[in-house]
Amino acid sequence: MITYTHPDVFASGISEGWADPITDPTEIDWAPRQMAAAIPFRLVNGRPYNPYAPTGIRFGRNELGHWGEQLAADAIVTANTDRNRHVVMIERADGHGWAVPGGYVDAGEDPEAAAVRELVEETCLDLSNASRRVFPARYVPDPRASDEAWMVTVPVRFDLGVMRYTELPAVLGADDARRAAWVRATSYADLAAQLKRLYGGQIFRAHQAMLRDMLG
């Protein structure tokens, strides 16, 4: 059985506040976290257990900061130009590929508000006044996860309707996004092909199933 926690979790994770300072998960009061969890999970010998395990990392947090469930929110922004649909994608700065804009939901923050905030932070695109649809929380197979630390996200869909390609609102990579772009996505396969052709990139593993479902 593999035990692993990335050194950054103990260093920058704790100092910057994105990681639990407690190194032994049996010392955590799990009742409040289990009650607040978007997807129920159980404990094994006082340690959180990923409801979708195994991940390959049995003990430790791998690259994630929090023990147990970490809630995120993702913004899926689409628009149709003539016969082609396009979606906003960002290239992650951590090298895990291209993803939809999103990130951690702060304590006490509404996931819908978090999706709007993360979209602004990562693409400079403000859709706070745009109509949107919030989907149920779903588990995502994040490559940074372990059997004791995992990601659950709330997808928020923004459909800007039909417009000319030249009218698509500008996006600019910021925060922890190397760059942002509107990418053609008539289907999931088309999106993957376009990212490979234009940028030599691939879709972030955690978002593949979600984008398949959203793009059809």
N, C-alpha and C. Protein backbone atom coordinates (compact mmCIF):
# COMPACT_ATOMS: atom_id res chain seq x y z
N MET A 1 0.84 -1.20 0.00
CA MET A 1 0.00 0.00 0.00
C MET A 1 0.87 1.25 0.00
N ILE A 2 0.54 2.17 -0.88
CA ILE A 2 1.34 3.38 -1.04
C ILE A 2 0.85 4.47 -0.08
N THR A 3 1.80 5.09 0.61
CA THR A 3 1.53 6.24 1.47
C THR A 3 2.27 7.43 0.89
N TYR A 4 1.55 8.52 0.62
CA TYR A 4 2.24 9.67 0.01
C TYR A 4 1.47 10.96 0.25
N THR A 5 2.20 11.99 0.64
CA THR A 5 1.70 13.36 0.70
C THR A 5 2.80 14.25 0.13
N HIS A 6 2.45 15.07 -0.83
CA HIS A 6 3.43 15.94 -1.48
C HIS A 6 4.03 16.90 -0.45
N PRO A 7 5.34 17.15 -0.51
CA PRO A 7 5.98 18.06 0.45
C PRO A 7 5.36 19.45 0.50
N ASP A 8 4.81 19.92 -0.62
CA ASP A 8 4.20 21.26 -0.64
C ASP A 8 3.00 21.35 0.30
N VAL A 9 2.34 20.25 0.55
CA VAL A 9 1.19 20.26 1.46
C VAL A 9 1.64 20.70 2.85
N PHE A 10 2.79 20.19 3.29
CA PHE A 10 3.30 20.53 4.63
C PHE A 10 3.97 21.90 4.66
N ALA A 11 4.43 22.37 3.52
CA ALA A 11 5.13 23.65 3.46
C ALA A 11 4.17 24.78 3.08
N SER A 12 4.07 25.07 1.78
CA SER A 12 3.21 26.17 1.33
C SER A 12 1.75 25.93 1.64
N GLY A 13 1.32 24.66 1.64
CA GLY A 13 -0.08 24.36 1.92
C GLY A 13 -0.53 24.87 3.27
N ILE A 14 0.28 24.60 4.27
CA ILE A 14 -0.08 25.04 5.62
C ILE A 14 0.14 26.54 5.79
N SER A 15 1.24 27.05 5.28
CA SER A 15 1.54 28.47 5.46
C SER A 15 0.56 29.36 4.70
N GLU A 16 0.08 28.89 3.54
CA GLU A 16 -0.85 29.68 2.72
C GLU A 16 -2.31 29.38 3.03
N GLY A 17 -2.56 28.37 3.87
CA GLY A 17 -3.91 28.11 4.33
C GLY A 17 -4.75 27.18 3.49
N TRP A 18 -4.16 26.53 2.47
CA TRP A 18 -4.98 25.64 1.65
C TRP A 18 -4.86 24.16 2.06
N ALA A 19 -4.15 23.91 3.16
CA ALA A 19 -4.00 22.54 3.64
C ALA A 19 -4.30 22.47 5.13
N ASP A 20 -4.84 21.32 5.55
CA ASP A 20 -5.06 21.07 6.98
C ASP A 20 -3.72 20.98 7.69
N PRO A 21 -3.54 21.70 8.78
CA PRO A 21 -2.28 21.59 9.53
C PRO A 21 -2.17 20.29 10.31
N ILE A 22 -3.30 19.60 10.52
CA ILE A 22 -3.30 18.33 11.26
C ILE A 22 -2.75 17.23 10.37
N THR A 23 -1.71 16.57 10.82
CA THR A 23 -1.08 15.53 10.01
C THR A 23 -1.65 14.14 10.27
N ASP A 24 -2.34 13.98 11.40
CA ASP A 24 -2.96 12.70 11.73
C ASP A 24 -4.48 12.86 11.63
N PRO A 25 -5.12 12.28 10.60
CA PRO A 25 -6.55 12.52 10.41
C PRO A 25 -7.43 11.95 11.51
N THR A 26 -6.91 11.04 12.32
CA THR A 26 -7.73 10.49 13.42
C THR A 26 -7.95 11.54 14.51
N GLU A 27 -7.21 12.65 14.47
CA GLU A 27 -7.38 13.70 15.47
C GLU A 27 -8.44 14.73 15.06
N ILE A 28 -9.00 14.58 13.85
CA ILE A 28 -10.01 15.51 13.36
C ILE A 28 -11.39 15.10 13.87
N ASP A 29 -12.21 16.09 14.20
CA ASP A 29 -13.61 15.84 14.54
C ASP A 29 -14.36 15.70 13.21
N TRP A 30 -14.66 14.48 12.83
CA TRP A 30 -15.20 14.21 11.51
C TRP A 30 -16.70 14.44 11.39
N ALA A 31 -17.42 14.47 12.49
CA ALA A 31 -18.88 14.59 12.41
C ALA A 31 -19.32 15.83 11.62
N PRO A 32 -18.77 17.03 11.88
CA PRO A 32 -19.21 18.20 11.10
C PRO A 32 -18.85 18.08 9.62
N ARG A 33 -17.70 17.49 9.32
CA ARG A 33 -17.29 17.38 7.92
C ARG A 33 -18.16 16.37 7.18
N GLN A 34 -18.53 15.30 7.87
CA GLN A 34 -19.40 14.33 7.23
C GLN A 34 -20.79 14.90 7.00
N MET A 35 -21.28 15.70 7.94
CA MET A 35 -22.59 16.31 7.79
C MET A 35 -22.60 17.32 6.64
N ALA A 36 -21.48 18.02 6.44
CA ALA A 36 -21.40 19.06 5.41
C ALA A 36 -21.03 18.51 4.04
N ALA A 37 -20.61 17.27 3.96
CA ALA A 37 -20.12 16.69 2.71
C ALA A 37 -21.20 16.66 1.63
N ALA A 38 -20.84 17.02 0.43
CA ALA A 38 -21.77 16.97 -0.70
C ALA A 38 -22.07 15.53 -1.10
N ILE A 39 -21.08 14.65 -0.93
CA ILE A 39 -21.24 13.23 -1.21
C ILE A 39 -20.84 12.47 0.06
N PRO A 40 -21.75 11.67 0.63
CA PRO A 40 -21.44 10.98 1.89
C PRO A 40 -20.20 10.09 1.79
N PHE A 41 -19.46 10.06 2.88
CA PHE A 41 -18.29 9.19 2.95
C PHE A 41 -18.20 8.60 4.35
N ARG A 42 -17.46 7.52 4.46
CA ARG A 42 -17.32 6.84 5.75
C ARG A 42 -15.89 6.94 6.25
N LEU A 43 -15.71 6.54 7.50
CA LEU A 43 -14.39 6.49 8.10
C LEU A 43 -13.97 5.04 8.24
N VAL A 44 -12.67 4.80 8.10
CA VAL A 44 -12.09 3.49 8.33
C VAL A 44 -10.99 3.67 9.37
N ASN A 45 -11.21 3.12 10.55
CA ASN A 45 -10.26 3.28 11.66
C ASN A 45 -10.01 4.76 11.95
N GLY A 46 -11.06 5.55 11.89
CA GLY A 46 -10.96 6.97 12.21
C GLY A 46 -10.39 7.82 11.10
N ARG A 47 -10.15 7.23 9.92
CA ARG A 47 -9.56 7.96 8.80
C ARG A 47 -10.59 8.05 7.67
N PRO A 48 -10.62 9.20 6.95
CA PRO A 48 -11.61 9.34 5.87
C PRO A 48 -11.31 8.37 4.73
N TYR A 49 -12.37 7.89 4.10
CA TYR A 49 -12.18 6.92 3.02
C TYR A 49 -12.96 7.38 1.79
N ASN A 50 -12.22 7.60 0.72
CA ASN A 50 -12.77 8.06 -0.55
C ASN A 50 -13.87 7.11 -1.02
N PRO A 51 -15.10 7.63 -1.24
CA PRO A 51 -16.19 6.74 -1.67
C PRO A 51 -15.98 6.15 -3.05
N TYR A 52 -14.99 6.68 -3.78
CA TYR A 52 -14.69 6.15 -5.12
C TYR A 52 -13.29 5.55 -5.19
N ALA A 53 -12.76 5.14 -4.04
CA ALA A 53 -11.45 4.49 -4.00
C ALA A 53 -11.54 3.13 -4.70
N PRO A 54 -10.38 2.59 -5.11
CA PRO A 54 -9.02 3.05 -4.83
C PRO A 54 -8.50 4.03 -5.89
N THR A 55 -7.56 4.86 -5.46
CA THR A 55 -6.93 5.84 -6.35
C THR A 55 -5.49 5.46 -6.70
N GLY A 56 -4.92 4.55 -5.92
CA GLY A 56 -3.52 4.21 -6.10
C GLY A 56 -2.67 4.71 -4.95
N ILE A 57 -3.19 5.69 -4.21
CA ILE A 57 -2.53 6.21 -3.01
C ILE A 57 -3.43 5.89 -1.82
N ARG A 58 -3.08 4.88 -1.03
CA ARG A 58 -3.98 4.42 0.04
C ARG A 58 -3.98 5.37 1.23
N PHE A 59 -2.81 5.83 1.67
CA PHE A 59 -2.73 6.70 2.84
C PHE A 59 -2.04 8.01 2.48
N GLY A 60 -2.45 9.08 3.16
CA GLY A 60 -1.88 10.40 2.88
C GLY A 60 -2.81 11.19 1.97
N ARG A 61 -2.35 12.39 1.61
CA ARG A 61 -3.20 13.31 0.85
C ARG A 61 -2.76 13.51 -0.58
N ASN A 62 -1.70 12.82 -1.01
CA ASN A 62 -1.17 13.02 -2.36
C ASN A 62 -0.86 14.51 -2.53
N GLU A 63 -1.49 15.21 -3.48
CA GLU A 63 -1.20 16.62 -3.70
C GLU A 63 -2.30 17.55 -3.17
N LEU A 64 -3.33 16.99 -2.55
CA LEU A 64 -4.42 17.82 -2.03
C LEU A 64 -4.15 18.24 -0.59
N GLY A 65 -4.75 19.35 -0.22
CA GLY A 65 -4.46 19.90 1.10
C GLY A 65 -5.32 19.38 2.23
N HIS A 66 -6.59 19.16 1.96
CA HIS A 66 -7.52 18.81 3.04
C HIS A 66 -7.76 17.31 3.09
N TRP A 67 -7.88 16.81 4.29
CA TRP A 67 -8.29 15.43 4.47
C TRP A 67 -9.77 15.31 4.09
N GLY A 68 -10.13 14.19 3.50
CA GLY A 68 -11.52 13.96 3.15
C GLY A 68 -11.93 14.73 1.91
N GLU A 69 -13.21 15.12 1.89
CA GLU A 69 -13.76 15.80 0.71
C GLU A 69 -13.33 17.25 0.64
N GLN A 70 -12.87 17.68 -0.53
CA GLN A 70 -12.62 19.08 -0.81
C GLN A 70 -13.64 19.52 -1.86
N LEU A 71 -14.48 20.48 -1.53
CA LEU A 71 -15.52 20.95 -2.45
C LEU A 71 -14.98 22.04 -3.36
N ALA A 72 -15.26 21.90 -4.64
CA ALA A 72 -14.87 22.88 -5.64
C ALA A 72 -16.10 23.29 -6.44
N ALA A 73 -15.93 24.31 -7.28
CA ALA A 73 -16.97 24.73 -8.21
C ALA A 73 -16.31 25.01 -9.54
N ASP A 74 -16.94 24.57 -10.63
CA ASP A 74 -16.38 24.75 -11.97
C ASP A 74 -17.36 25.49 -12.86
N ALA A 75 -16.85 26.40 -13.68
CA ALA A 75 -17.67 27.19 -14.59
C ALA A 75 -17.52 26.65 -16.01
N ILE A 76 -18.61 26.13 -16.56
CA ILE A 76 -18.61 25.68 -17.95
C ILE A 76 -19.30 26.76 -18.77
N VAL A 77 -18.51 27.50 -19.55
CA VAL A 77 -19.02 28.64 -20.31
C VAL A 77 -19.02 28.28 -21.79
N THR A 78 -20.20 28.31 -22.41
CA THR A 78 -20.32 27.96 -23.82
C THR A 78 -21.01 29.07 -24.60
N ALA A 79 -20.75 29.08 -25.90
CA ALA A 79 -21.42 30.00 -26.82
C ALA A 79 -21.43 29.35 -28.20
N ASN A 80 -22.45 29.62 -28.99
CA ASN A 80 -22.55 29.09 -30.34
C ASN A 80 -22.23 30.19 -31.36
N THR A 81 -21.37 29.88 -32.30
CA THR A 81 -21.03 30.80 -33.38
C THR A 81 -21.35 30.10 -34.69
N ASP A 82 -22.36 30.57 -35.41
CA ASP A 82 -22.83 29.90 -36.61
C ASP A 82 -23.16 28.45 -36.28
N ARG A 83 -22.40 27.48 -36.84
CA ARG A 83 -22.68 26.08 -36.59
C ARG A 83 -21.79 25.48 -35.50
N ASN A 84 -20.89 26.26 -34.96
CA ASN A 84 -19.91 25.73 -34.01
C ASN A 84 -20.15 26.21 -32.59
N ARG A 85 -20.04 25.28 -31.65
CA ARG A 85 -20.08 25.64 -30.24
C ARG A 85 -18.65 25.81 -29.75
N HIS A 86 -18.44 26.76 -28.85
CA HIS A 86 -17.13 27.00 -28.25
C HIS A 86 -17.27 26.98 -26.73
N VAL A 87 -16.20 26.63 -26.05
CA VAL A 87 -16.20 26.57 -24.59
C VAL A 87 -14.93 27.24 -24.07
N VAL A 88 -15.02 27.91 -22.94
CA VAL A 88 -13.85 28.55 -22.33
C VAL A 88 -13.03 27.49 -21.60
N MET A 89 -11.75 27.43 -21.93
CA MET A 89 -10.82 26.50 -21.30
C MET A 89 -9.60 27.26 -20.80
N ILE A 90 -8.98 26.74 -19.74
CA ILE A 90 -7.72 27.31 -19.24
C ILE A 90 -6.64 26.24 -19.23
N GLU A 91 -5.42 26.66 -19.44
CA GLU A 91 -4.28 25.76 -19.27
C GLU A 91 -3.79 25.89 -17.84
N ARG A 92 -3.86 24.81 -17.10
CA ARG A 92 -3.48 24.84 -15.69
C ARG A 92 -1.97 25.07 -15.55
N ALA A 93 -1.61 25.86 -14.56
CA ALA A 93 -0.19 26.14 -14.32
C ALA A 93 0.54 24.98 -13.69
N ASP A 94 -0.19 24.00 -13.14
CA ASP A 94 0.46 22.87 -12.48
C ASP A 94 0.84 21.74 -13.43
N GLY A 95 0.58 21.95 -14.73
CA GLY A 95 0.98 20.95 -15.71
C GLY A 95 -0.01 19.81 -15.92
N HIS A 96 -1.19 19.91 -15.32
CA HIS A 96 -2.19 18.84 -15.45
C HIS A 96 -3.11 19.01 -16.65
N GLY A 97 -2.75 19.91 -17.57
CA GLY A 97 -3.51 20.01 -18.81
C GLY A 97 -4.50 21.16 -18.84
N TRP A 98 -5.48 21.03 -19.73
CA TRP A 98 -6.50 22.06 -19.94
C TRP A 98 -7.79 21.69 -19.21
N ALA A 99 -8.38 22.68 -18.55
CA ALA A 99 -9.56 22.45 -17.72
C ALA A 99 -10.55 23.58 -17.90
N VAL A 100 -11.74 23.41 -17.37
CA VAL A 100 -12.65 24.55 -17.29
C VAL A 100 -12.25 25.37 -16.07
N PRO A 101 -12.52 26.66 -16.07
CA PRO A 101 -12.16 27.49 -14.91
C PRO A 101 -12.89 27.00 -13.66
N GLY A 102 -12.19 27.02 -12.55
CA GLY A 102 -12.82 26.59 -11.30
C GLY A 102 -11.80 26.51 -10.19
N GLY A 103 -12.28 26.16 -9.01
CA GLY A 103 -11.38 26.04 -7.88
C GLY A 103 -12.14 25.79 -6.59
N TYR A 104 -11.41 25.85 -5.48
CA TYR A 104 -11.97 25.54 -4.18
C TYR A 104 -13.10 26.50 -3.80
N VAL A 105 -14.10 25.94 -3.14
CA VAL A 105 -15.15 26.74 -2.52
C VAL A 105 -14.66 27.12 -1.13
N ASP A 106 -14.59 28.42 -0.85
CA ASP A 106 -14.13 28.88 0.46
C ASP A 106 -15.14 28.53 1.55
N ALA A 107 -14.67 28.47 2.77
CA ALA A 107 -15.56 28.16 3.90
C ALA A 107 -16.71 29.16 3.95
N GLY A 108 -17.93 28.65 3.98
CA GLY A 108 -19.11 29.50 4.05
C GLY A 108 -19.55 30.09 2.72
N GLU A 109 -18.82 29.79 1.65
CA GLU A 109 -19.13 30.36 0.34
C GLU A 109 -20.12 29.47 -0.40
N ASP A 110 -21.02 30.08 -1.14
CA ASP A 110 -21.95 29.32 -1.98
C ASP A 110 -21.21 28.84 -3.23
N PRO A 111 -21.36 27.59 -3.64
CA PRO A 111 -20.64 27.09 -4.81
C PRO A 111 -20.92 27.89 -6.08
N GLU A 112 -22.15 28.34 -6.26
CA GLU A 112 -22.47 29.15 -7.44
C GLU A 112 -21.64 30.44 -7.45
N ALA A 113 -21.54 31.08 -6.29
CA ALA A 113 -20.73 32.30 -6.19
C ALA A 113 -19.25 31.98 -6.41
N ALA A 114 -18.81 30.81 -5.93
CA ALA A 114 -17.42 30.41 -6.11
C ALA A 114 -17.10 30.22 -7.58
N ALA A 115 -18.03 29.65 -8.36
CA ALA A 115 -17.79 29.47 -9.79
C ALA A 115 -17.64 30.80 -10.50
N VAL A 116 -18.49 31.77 -10.14
CA VAL A 116 -18.40 33.11 -10.72
C VAL A 116 -17.06 33.75 -10.36
N ARG A 117 -16.68 33.62 -9.09
CA ARG A 117 -15.41 34.21 -8.63
C ARG A 117 -14.21 33.59 -9.32
N GLU A 118 -14.19 32.26 -9.39
CA GLU A 118 -13.05 31.58 -10.02
C GLU A 118 -12.96 31.92 -11.50
N LEU A 119 -14.09 32.07 -12.16
CA LEU A 119 -14.08 32.44 -13.58
C LEU A 119 -13.41 33.80 -13.78
N VAL A 120 -13.73 34.75 -12.92
CA VAL A 120 -13.10 36.07 -13.01
C VAL A 120 -11.62 35.97 -12.72
N GLU A 121 -11.26 35.24 -11.66
CA GLU A 121 -9.86 35.16 -11.26
C GLU A 121 -8.99 34.49 -12.31
N GLU A 122 -9.52 33.49 -13.01
CA GLU A 122 -8.69 32.71 -13.93
C GLU A 122 -8.79 33.14 -15.39
N THR A 123 -9.86 33.86 -15.75
CA THR A 123 -10.02 34.26 -17.15
C THR A 123 -10.32 35.74 -17.34
N CYS A 124 -10.52 36.48 -16.25
CA CYS A 124 -10.90 37.90 -16.30
C CYS A 124 -12.27 38.10 -16.96
N LEU A 125 -13.08 37.04 -17.02
CA LEU A 125 -14.41 37.11 -17.59
C LEU A 125 -15.44 37.16 -16.46
N ASP A 126 -16.18 38.27 -16.39
CA ASP A 126 -17.16 38.47 -15.32
C ASP A 126 -18.56 38.19 -15.85
N LEU A 127 -19.14 37.07 -15.42
CA LEU A 127 -20.49 36.71 -15.81
C LEU A 127 -21.43 36.70 -14.61
N SER A 128 -21.13 37.58 -13.67
CA SER A 128 -21.93 37.62 -12.44
C SER A 128 -23.39 37.95 -12.71
N ASN A 129 -23.68 38.65 -13.82
CA ASN A 129 -25.06 39.01 -14.13
C ASN A 129 -25.67 38.11 -15.21
N ALA A 130 -24.94 37.10 -15.63
CA ALA A 130 -25.43 36.21 -16.68
C ALA A 130 -26.28 35.09 -16.08
N SER A 131 -27.23 34.61 -16.86
CA SER A 131 -28.04 33.48 -16.41
C SER A 131 -27.17 32.23 -16.40
N ARG A 132 -27.51 31.29 -15.53
CA ARG A 132 -26.70 30.08 -15.39
C ARG A 132 -27.54 28.97 -14.76
N ARG A 133 -27.00 27.76 -14.88
CA ARG A 133 -27.66 26.60 -14.31
C ARG A 133 -26.68 25.87 -13.41
N VAL A 134 -27.09 25.59 -12.20
CA VAL A 134 -26.24 24.89 -11.24
C VAL A 134 -26.63 23.41 -11.24
N PHE A 135 -25.64 22.56 -11.44
CA PHE A 135 -25.87 21.12 -11.47
C PHE A 135 -25.50 20.49 -10.12
N PRO A 136 -25.99 19.29 -9.86
CA PRO A 136 -25.66 18.62 -8.59
C PRO A 136 -24.17 18.36 -8.45
N ALA A 137 -23.71 18.33 -7.22
CA ALA A 137 -22.30 18.03 -6.96
C ALA A 137 -21.95 16.65 -7.49
N ARG A 138 -20.73 16.50 -7.99
CA ARG A 138 -20.28 15.23 -8.52
C ARG A 138 -18.82 14.99 -8.16
N TYR A 139 -18.50 13.74 -7.97
CA TYR A 139 -17.11 13.35 -7.73
C TYR A 139 -16.33 13.51 -9.02
N VAL A 140 -15.08 13.98 -8.91
CA VAL A 140 -14.21 14.07 -10.08
C VAL A 140 -12.91 13.30 -9.79
N PRO A 141 -12.45 12.49 -10.73
CA PRO A 141 -11.25 11.67 -10.52
C PRO A 141 -9.97 12.49 -10.68
N ASP A 142 -9.72 13.33 -9.71
CA ASP A 142 -8.58 14.24 -9.76
C ASP A 142 -7.27 13.46 -9.61
N PRO A 143 -6.30 13.68 -10.49
CA PRO A 143 -5.03 12.95 -10.39
C PRO A 143 -4.23 13.31 -9.14
N ARG A 144 -4.61 14.37 -8.45
CA ARG A 144 -3.91 14.79 -7.23
C ARG A 144 -4.50 14.14 -5.98
N ALA A 145 -5.54 13.34 -6.15
CA ALA A 145 -6.28 12.80 -5.01
C ALA A 145 -5.66 11.52 -4.46
N SER A 146 -6.18 11.08 -3.33
CA SER A 146 -5.79 9.82 -2.71
C SER A 146 -7.05 9.15 -2.16
N ASP A 147 -6.87 8.02 -1.51
CA ASP A 147 -8.01 7.37 -0.86
C ASP A 147 -8.47 8.12 0.39
N GLU A 148 -7.68 9.11 0.81
CA GLU A 148 -8.02 9.86 2.03
C GLU A 148 -8.23 11.35 1.78
N ALA A 149 -8.09 11.79 0.53
CA ALA A 149 -8.30 13.20 0.17
C ALA A 149 -8.77 13.23 -1.28
N TRP A 150 -9.93 13.82 -1.52
CA TRP A 150 -10.49 13.76 -2.87
C TRP A 150 -11.30 15.01 -3.17
N MET A 151 -11.65 15.15 -4.47
CA MET A 151 -12.34 16.35 -4.94
C MET A 151 -13.78 16.04 -5.35
N VAL A 152 -14.68 16.94 -4.98
CA VAL A 152 -16.07 16.93 -5.42
C VAL A 152 -16.34 18.33 -5.95
N THR A 153 -17.01 18.42 -7.10
CA THR A 153 -17.25 19.74 -7.67
C THR A 153 -18.72 19.98 -7.96
N VAL A 154 -19.09 21.25 -7.97
CA VAL A 154 -20.42 21.69 -8.37
C VAL A 154 -20.28 22.37 -9.74
N PRO A 155 -20.74 21.74 -10.82
CA PRO A 155 -20.65 22.38 -12.14
C PRO A 155 -21.71 23.48 -12.29
N VAL A 156 -21.29 24.62 -12.82
CA VAL A 156 -22.20 25.73 -13.08
C VAL A 156 -22.09 26.08 -14.56
N ARG A 157 -23.19 25.95 -15.28
CA ARG A 157 -23.18 26.12 -16.73
C ARG A 157 -23.66 27.52 -17.12
N PHE A 158 -22.84 28.22 -17.91
CA PHE A 158 -23.19 29.52 -18.47
C PHE A 158 -23.29 29.35 -19.99
N ASP A 159 -24.45 29.54 -20.56
CA ASP A 159 -24.63 29.44 -22.00
C ASP A 159 -24.93 30.83 -22.54
N LEU A 160 -24.00 31.38 -23.31
CA LEU A 160 -24.13 32.75 -23.79
C LEU A 160 -24.95 32.85 -25.07
N GLY A 161 -25.43 31.71 -25.56
CA GLY A 161 -26.30 31.74 -26.73
C GLY A 161 -25.53 31.85 -28.04
N VAL A 162 -26.19 32.42 -29.04
CA VAL A 162 -25.61 32.52 -30.39
C VAL A 162 -25.02 33.91 -30.58
N MET A 163 -23.80 33.97 -31.07
CA MET A 163 -23.14 35.23 -31.37
C MET A 163 -22.07 35.00 -32.44
N ARG A 164 -21.58 36.07 -33.00
CA ARG A 164 -20.49 35.95 -33.96
C ARG A 164 -19.20 35.61 -33.21
N TYR A 165 -18.31 34.94 -33.92
CA TYR A 165 -17.05 34.57 -33.29
C TYR A 165 -16.30 35.79 -32.79
N THR A 166 -16.36 36.87 -33.58
CA THR A 166 -15.66 38.10 -33.20
C THR A 166 -16.30 38.78 -32.00
N GLU A 167 -17.50 38.33 -31.61
CA GLU A 167 -18.19 38.94 -30.47
C GLU A 167 -17.99 38.16 -29.18
N LEU A 168 -17.29 37.03 -29.24
CA LEU A 168 -17.04 36.28 -28.02
C LEU A 168 -16.28 37.16 -27.03
N PRO A 169 -16.71 37.23 -25.79
CA PRO A 169 -16.01 38.08 -24.81
C PRO A 169 -14.57 37.63 -24.62
N ALA A 170 -13.69 38.59 -24.46
CA ALA A 170 -12.27 38.29 -24.32
C ALA A 170 -12.00 37.52 -23.03
N VAL A 171 -11.06 36.60 -23.09
CA VAL A 171 -10.60 35.87 -21.91
C VAL A 171 -9.08 35.97 -21.84
N LEU A 172 -8.58 36.04 -20.64
CA LEU A 172 -7.14 36.19 -20.42
C LEU A 172 -6.73 35.35 -19.24
N GLY A 173 -5.75 34.47 -19.42
CA GLY A 173 -5.30 33.62 -18.33
C GLY A 173 -4.71 34.43 -17.19
N ALA A 174 -5.14 34.14 -15.97
CA ALA A 174 -4.66 34.86 -14.79
C ALA A 174 -4.66 33.92 -13.60
N ASP A 175 -4.16 34.40 -12.47
CA ASP A 175 -4.10 33.62 -11.24
C ASP A 175 -3.29 32.35 -11.51
N ASP A 176 -3.89 31.15 -11.34
CA ASP A 176 -3.12 29.93 -11.58
C ASP A 176 -3.43 29.31 -12.93
N ALA A 177 -3.87 30.13 -13.90
CA ALA A 177 -4.07 29.69 -15.28
C ALA A 177 -3.00 30.31 -16.16
N ARG A 178 -2.26 29.47 -16.88
CA ARG A 178 -1.22 30.00 -17.77
C ARG A 178 -1.82 30.82 -18.90
N ARG A 179 -2.93 30.33 -19.43
CA ARG A 179 -3.63 31.05 -20.48
C ARG A 179 -5.08 30.56 -20.53
N ALA A 180 -5.91 31.35 -21.18
CA ALA A 180 -7.32 31.01 -21.34
C ALA A 180 -7.69 31.21 -22.80
N ALA A 181 -8.65 30.41 -23.26
CA ALA A 181 -9.02 30.50 -24.66
C ALA A 181 -10.42 29.94 -24.88
N TRP A 182 -11.09 30.48 -25.90
CA TRP A 182 -12.30 29.88 -26.41
C TRP A 182 -11.86 28.76 -27.36
N VAL A 183 -12.36 27.58 -27.15
CA VAL A 183 -11.96 26.43 -27.97
C VAL A 183 -13.21 25.80 -28.58
N ARG A 184 -13.12 25.48 -29.87
CA ARG A 184 -14.27 24.86 -30.52
C ARG A 184 -14.59 23.53 -29.87
N ALA A 185 -15.88 23.28 -29.65
CA ALA A 185 -16.29 22.06 -28.97
C ALA A 185 -17.66 21.63 -29.47
N THR A 186 -17.73 21.24 -30.75
CA THR A 186 -18.98 20.72 -31.28
C THR A 186 -19.34 19.41 -30.59
N SER A 187 -18.34 18.76 -30.01
CA SER A 187 -18.51 17.54 -29.20
C SER A 187 -17.31 17.45 -28.29
N TYR A 188 -17.34 16.49 -27.37
CA TYR A 188 -16.18 16.29 -26.50
C TYR A 188 -14.96 15.89 -27.33
N ALA A 189 -15.17 15.01 -28.30
CA ALA A 189 -14.05 14.56 -29.15
C ALA A 189 -13.47 15.73 -29.92
N ASP A 190 -14.32 16.63 -30.39
CA ASP A 190 -13.84 17.81 -31.12
C ASP A 190 -13.01 18.70 -30.21
N LEU A 191 -13.48 18.90 -28.98
CA LEU A 191 -12.72 19.71 -28.02
C LEU A 191 -11.33 19.11 -27.78
N ALA A 192 -11.27 17.81 -27.54
CA ALA A 192 -9.98 17.16 -27.31
C ALA A 192 -9.07 17.31 -28.52
N ALA A 193 -9.64 17.16 -29.72
CA ALA A 193 -8.83 17.27 -30.94
C ALA A 193 -8.32 18.69 -31.14
N GLN A 194 -9.17 19.68 -30.86
CA GLN A 194 -8.76 21.07 -31.03
C GLN A 194 -7.65 21.45 -30.06
N LEU A 195 -7.76 21.01 -28.81
CA LEU A 195 -6.71 21.32 -27.82
C LEU A 195 -5.38 20.69 -28.24
N LYS A 196 -5.44 19.48 -28.75
CA LYS A 196 -4.21 18.82 -29.20
C LYS A 196 -3.63 19.51 -30.42
N ARG A 197 -4.49 19.89 -31.36
CA ARG A 197 -4.00 20.50 -32.60
C ARG A 197 -3.46 21.91 -32.38
N LEU A 198 -4.17 22.71 -31.60
CA LEU A 198 -3.80 24.11 -31.42
C LEU A 198 -2.71 24.33 -30.38
N TYR A 199 -2.73 23.52 -29.31
CA TYR A 199 -1.84 23.78 -28.18
C TYR A 199 -0.98 22.58 -27.77
N GLY A 200 -1.17 21.46 -28.44
CA GLY A 200 -0.45 20.25 -28.02
C GLY A 200 -0.85 19.82 -26.63
N GLY A 201 -2.10 20.15 -26.25
CA GLY A 201 -2.55 19.89 -24.89
C GLY A 201 -3.59 18.79 -24.81
N GLN A 202 -3.90 18.41 -23.58
CA GLN A 202 -4.93 17.41 -23.34
C GLN A 202 -5.83 17.89 -22.21
N ILE A 203 -7.01 17.29 -22.11
CA ILE A 203 -7.99 17.69 -21.11
C ILE A 203 -7.63 17.12 -19.75
N PHE A 204 -7.69 17.97 -18.74
CA PHE A 204 -7.46 17.60 -17.34
C PHE A 204 -8.30 16.37 -17.01
N ARG A 205 -7.66 15.35 -16.47
CA ARG A 205 -8.34 14.08 -16.25
C ARG A 205 -9.59 14.22 -15.39
N ALA A 206 -9.55 15.11 -14.40
CA ALA A 206 -10.69 15.27 -13.51
C ALA A 206 -11.92 15.81 -14.23
N HIS A 207 -11.73 16.50 -15.37
CA HIS A 207 -12.84 17.14 -16.05
C HIS A 207 -13.33 16.38 -17.28
N GLN A 208 -12.70 15.27 -17.59
CA GLN A 208 -13.06 14.57 -18.82
C GLN A 208 -14.50 14.07 -18.80
N ALA A 209 -14.88 13.33 -17.78
CA ALA A 209 -16.25 12.80 -17.72
C ALA A 209 -17.27 13.92 -17.62
N MET A 210 -16.98 14.96 -16.85
CA MET A 210 -17.90 16.08 -16.71
C MET A 210 -18.12 16.77 -18.05
N LEU A 211 -17.06 16.99 -18.81
CA LEU A 211 -17.20 17.65 -20.10
C LEU A 211 -17.91 16.75 -21.11
N ARG A 212 -17.66 15.44 -21.03
CA ARG A 212 -18.41 14.53 -21.90
C ARG A 212 -19.92 14.67 -21.66
N ASP A 213 -20.30 14.73 -20.40
CA ASP A 213 -21.71 14.86 -20.05
C ASP A 213 -22.28 16.21 -20.48
N MET A 214 -21.51 17.27 -20.27
CA MET A 214 -22.01 18.61 -20.56
C MET A 214 -22.07 18.90 -22.07
N LEU A 215 -21.11 18.36 -22.81
CA LEU A 215 -21.03 18.66 -24.24
C LEU A 215 -21.77 17.65 -25.11
N GLY A 216 -22.08 16.47 -24.56
CA GLY A 216 -22.83 15.49 -25.30
C GLY A 216 -21.98 14.79 -26.36
